[in-house]
């Protein structure tokens, strides 16, 4: 994960923790000082590929943090 992806991931995680729902693309862009929503979309797509987040297409505020819990047997 790049620094900018990590920054966005941390922003999303903190935002959801504080508000109980995901930020909009505009809020994400503002929160990580990015001017382009397409840049946010690119970072989200990469975060999804590495199983850090997931979302429902065409649904506002649907970004979710994917937590993988390691359970020892």
N, C-alpha and C. Protein backbone atom coordinates (compact mmCIF):
# COMPACT_ATOMS: atom_id res chain seq x y z
N UNK A 1 0.84 -1.17 0.00
CA UNK A 1 0.00 0.00 0.00
C UNK A 1 0.90 1.24 0.00
N UNK A 2 0.58 2.20 -0.88
CA UNK A 2 1.36 3.43 -0.93
C UNK A 2 0.98 4.35 0.23
N UNK A 3 1.77 5.39 0.42
CA UNK A 3 1.46 6.35 1.50
C UNK A 3 0.11 7.01 1.27
N UNK A 4 -0.19 7.36 0.02
CA UNK A 4 -1.46 8.04 -0.25
C UNK A 4 -2.65 7.09 -0.07
N UNK A 5 -2.47 5.83 -0.41
CA UNK A 5 -3.53 4.84 -0.18
C UNK A 5 -3.73 4.63 1.33
N UNK A 6 -2.64 4.55 2.06
CA UNK A 6 -2.71 4.38 3.52
C UNK A 6 -3.40 5.58 4.16
N UNK A 7 -3.11 6.77 3.66
CA UNK A 7 -3.72 7.98 4.20
C UNK A 7 -5.24 7.96 3.96
N UNK A 8 -5.66 7.55 2.77
CA UNK A 8 -7.08 7.47 2.46
C UNK A 8 -7.74 6.38 3.30
N UNK A 9 -7.10 5.23 3.42
CA UNK A 9 -7.63 4.12 4.22
C UNK A 9 -7.84 4.57 5.67
N UNK A 10 -6.85 5.23 6.22
CA UNK A 10 -6.94 5.72 7.61
C UNK A 10 -8.06 6.75 7.74
N UNK A 11 -8.18 7.65 6.75
CA UNK A 11 -9.25 8.65 6.79
C UNK A 11 -10.61 7.98 6.79
N UNK A 12 -10.81 7.01 5.90
CA UNK A 12 -12.10 6.30 5.81
C UNK A 12 -12.40 5.59 7.12
N UNK A 13 -11.43 4.89 7.64
CA UNK A 13 -11.61 4.13 8.88
C UNK A 13 -12.00 5.06 10.04
N UNK A 14 -11.30 6.17 10.17
CA UNK A 14 -11.60 7.13 11.24
C UNK A 14 -12.96 7.79 11.03
N UNK A 15 -13.29 8.11 9.79
CA UNK A 15 -14.56 8.75 9.49
C UNK A 15 -15.72 7.82 9.86
N UNK A 16 -15.63 6.56 9.45
CA UNK A 16 -16.69 5.60 9.77
C UNK A 16 -16.81 5.42 11.29
N UNK A 17 -15.68 5.37 11.96
CA UNK A 17 -15.69 5.21 13.42
C UNK A 17 -16.38 6.39 14.09
N UNK A 18 -16.13 7.59 13.59
CA UNK A 18 -16.70 8.81 14.18
C UNK A 18 -18.18 9.00 13.83
N UNK A 19 -18.54 8.77 12.56
CA UNK A 19 -19.89 9.09 12.08
C UNK A 19 -20.83 7.89 11.97
N UNK A 20 -20.27 6.69 11.88
CA UNK A 20 -21.11 5.51 11.74
C UNK A 20 -21.49 5.18 10.30
N UNK A 21 -20.98 5.93 9.36
CA UNK A 21 -21.22 5.69 7.94
C UNK A 21 -20.02 6.21 7.14
N UNK A 22 -19.92 5.79 5.90
CA UNK A 22 -18.76 6.13 5.07
C UNK A 22 -18.84 7.56 4.54
N UNK A 23 -17.69 8.14 4.27
CA UNK A 23 -17.66 9.48 3.67
C UNK A 23 -18.00 9.43 2.17
N UNK A 24 -18.42 10.57 1.63
CA UNK A 24 -18.63 10.69 0.20
C UNK A 24 -17.27 10.87 -0.48
N UNK A 25 -17.24 10.75 -1.81
CA UNK A 25 -16.00 10.99 -2.54
C UNK A 25 -15.48 12.41 -2.27
N UNK A 26 -16.39 13.39 -2.23
CA UNK A 26 -15.98 14.77 -1.95
C UNK A 26 -15.34 14.90 -0.57
N UNK A 27 -15.94 14.25 0.42
CA UNK A 27 -15.39 14.30 1.77
C UNK A 27 -14.03 13.61 1.84
N UNK A 28 -13.90 12.48 1.11
CA UNK A 28 -12.60 11.80 1.06
C UNK A 28 -11.55 12.69 0.41
N UNK A 29 -11.90 13.30 -0.70
CA UNK A 29 -10.95 14.17 -1.41
C UNK A 29 -10.49 15.31 -0.52
N UNK A 30 -11.44 15.94 0.14
CA UNK A 30 -11.11 17.04 1.06
C UNK A 30 -10.28 16.54 2.24
N UNK A 31 -10.64 15.38 2.76
CA UNK A 31 -9.96 14.83 3.94
C UNK A 31 -8.52 14.44 3.71
N UNK A 32 -8.17 14.11 2.47
CA UNK A 32 -6.79 13.72 2.18
C UNK A 32 -6.11 14.70 1.22
N UNK A 33 -6.72 15.88 1.05
CA UNK A 33 -6.16 16.95 0.23
C UNK A 33 -5.90 16.53 -1.22
N UNK A 34 -6.92 15.92 -1.84
CA UNK A 34 -6.86 15.53 -3.24
C UNK A 34 -7.95 16.32 -3.96
N UNK A 35 -7.63 16.85 -5.14
CA UNK A 35 -8.58 17.69 -5.85
C UNK A 35 -9.53 16.91 -6.75
N UNK A 36 -9.13 15.73 -7.18
CA UNK A 36 -9.89 14.98 -8.16
C UNK A 36 -10.62 13.78 -7.56
N UNK A 37 -11.93 13.68 -7.84
CA UNK A 37 -12.68 12.52 -7.38
C UNK A 37 -12.24 11.26 -8.13
N UNK A 38 -11.75 11.42 -9.36
CA UNK A 38 -11.26 10.25 -10.10
C UNK A 38 -10.00 9.69 -9.44
N UNK A 39 -9.21 10.55 -8.84
CA UNK A 39 -8.03 10.11 -8.09
C UNK A 39 -8.46 9.30 -6.88
N UNK A 40 -9.51 9.74 -6.21
CA UNK A 40 -10.06 9.00 -5.07
C UNK A 40 -10.56 7.64 -5.54
N UNK A 41 -11.28 7.62 -6.65
CA UNK A 41 -11.80 6.36 -7.17
C UNK A 41 -10.67 5.38 -7.48
N UNK A 42 -9.59 5.87 -8.07
CA UNK A 42 -8.43 5.02 -8.38
C UNK A 42 -7.84 4.41 -7.11
N UNK A 43 -7.69 5.23 -6.08
CA UNK A 43 -7.14 4.74 -4.81
C UNK A 43 -8.09 3.73 -4.16
N UNK A 44 -9.39 3.99 -4.22
CA UNK A 44 -10.37 3.06 -3.67
C UNK A 44 -10.32 1.72 -4.40
N UNK A 45 -10.19 1.77 -5.72
CA UNK A 45 -10.12 0.55 -6.52
C UNK A 45 -8.91 -0.29 -6.11
N UNK A 46 -7.78 0.37 -5.90
CA UNK A 46 -6.58 -0.35 -5.48
C UNK A 46 -6.73 -0.91 -4.06
N UNK A 47 -7.35 -0.15 -3.18
CA UNK A 47 -7.59 -0.64 -1.81
C UNK A 47 -8.53 -1.85 -1.82
N UNK A 48 -9.49 -1.84 -2.75
CA UNK A 48 -10.40 -2.98 -2.87
C UNK A 48 -9.65 -4.21 -3.38
N UNK A 49 -8.73 -4.01 -4.31
CA UNK A 49 -7.96 -5.13 -4.87
C UNK A 49 -7.11 -5.83 -3.81
N UNK A 50 -6.66 -5.08 -2.81
CA UNK A 50 -5.84 -5.67 -1.76
C UNK A 50 -6.67 -6.01 -0.51
N UNK A 51 -8.00 -6.06 -0.70
CA UNK A 51 -8.94 -6.47 0.35
C UNK A 51 -8.90 -5.61 1.61
N UNK A 52 -8.69 -4.32 1.44
CA UNK A 52 -8.74 -3.41 2.59
C UNK A 52 -10.13 -2.81 2.75
N UNK A 53 -10.84 -2.63 1.61
CA UNK A 53 -12.18 -2.07 1.63
C UNK A 53 -13.06 -2.83 0.66
N UNK A 54 -14.35 -2.54 0.73
CA UNK A 54 -15.31 -3.05 -0.24
C UNK A 54 -16.42 -2.00 -0.35
N UNK A 55 -17.21 -2.06 -1.42
CA UNK A 55 -18.35 -1.16 -1.56
C UNK A 55 -19.36 -1.75 -2.51
N UNK A 56 -20.56 -1.18 -2.47
CA UNK A 56 -21.65 -1.58 -3.36
C UNK A 56 -21.71 -0.55 -4.48
N UNK A 57 -21.65 -1.01 -5.73
CA UNK A 57 -21.69 -0.09 -6.87
C UNK A 57 -22.98 0.71 -6.87
N UNK A 58 -22.87 1.95 -7.29
CA UNK A 58 -24.00 2.87 -7.46
C UNK A 58 -24.78 3.11 -6.17
N UNK A 59 -24.12 2.97 -5.04
CA UNK A 59 -24.75 3.23 -3.75
C UNK A 59 -23.90 4.23 -2.97
N UNK A 60 -24.49 5.35 -2.61
CA UNK A 60 -23.75 6.37 -1.87
C UNK A 60 -23.32 5.87 -0.50
N UNK A 61 -22.16 6.31 -0.09
CA UNK A 61 -21.61 6.02 1.25
C UNK A 61 -21.55 4.53 1.58
N UNK A 62 -21.23 3.71 0.58
CA UNK A 62 -21.25 2.26 0.80
C UNK A 62 -19.87 1.65 1.05
N UNK A 63 -18.83 2.48 1.14
CA UNK A 63 -17.48 1.96 1.38
C UNK A 63 -17.44 1.35 2.77
N UNK A 64 -16.89 0.14 2.86
CA UNK A 64 -16.76 -0.55 4.14
C UNK A 64 -15.33 -1.00 4.32
N UNK A 65 -14.87 -0.98 5.55
CA UNK A 65 -13.55 -1.49 5.89
C UNK A 65 -13.66 -3.01 6.01
N UNK A 66 -12.73 -3.71 5.39
CA UNK A 66 -12.70 -5.16 5.47
C UNK A 66 -11.69 -5.54 6.55
N UNK A 67 -12.18 -6.10 7.63
CA UNK A 67 -11.31 -6.52 8.72
C UNK A 67 -11.13 -8.03 8.64
N UNK A 68 -9.92 -8.46 8.57
CA UNK A 68 -9.62 -9.88 8.56
C UNK A 68 -9.15 -10.26 9.96
N UNK A 69 -9.90 -11.14 10.58
CA UNK A 69 -9.58 -11.57 11.94
C UNK A 69 -8.84 -12.89 11.88
N UNK A 70 -7.68 -12.91 12.48
CA UNK A 70 -6.87 -14.14 12.51
C UNK A 70 -7.28 -14.94 13.73
N UNK A 71 -7.87 -16.06 13.51
CA UNK A 71 -8.30 -16.93 14.62
C UNK A 71 -7.39 -18.15 14.66
N UNK A 72 -6.73 -18.31 15.77
CA UNK A 72 -5.86 -19.48 15.93
C UNK A 72 -6.70 -20.65 16.38
N UNK A 73 -6.42 -21.82 15.84
CA UNK A 73 -7.16 -23.03 16.19
C UNK A 73 -6.48 -23.77 17.30
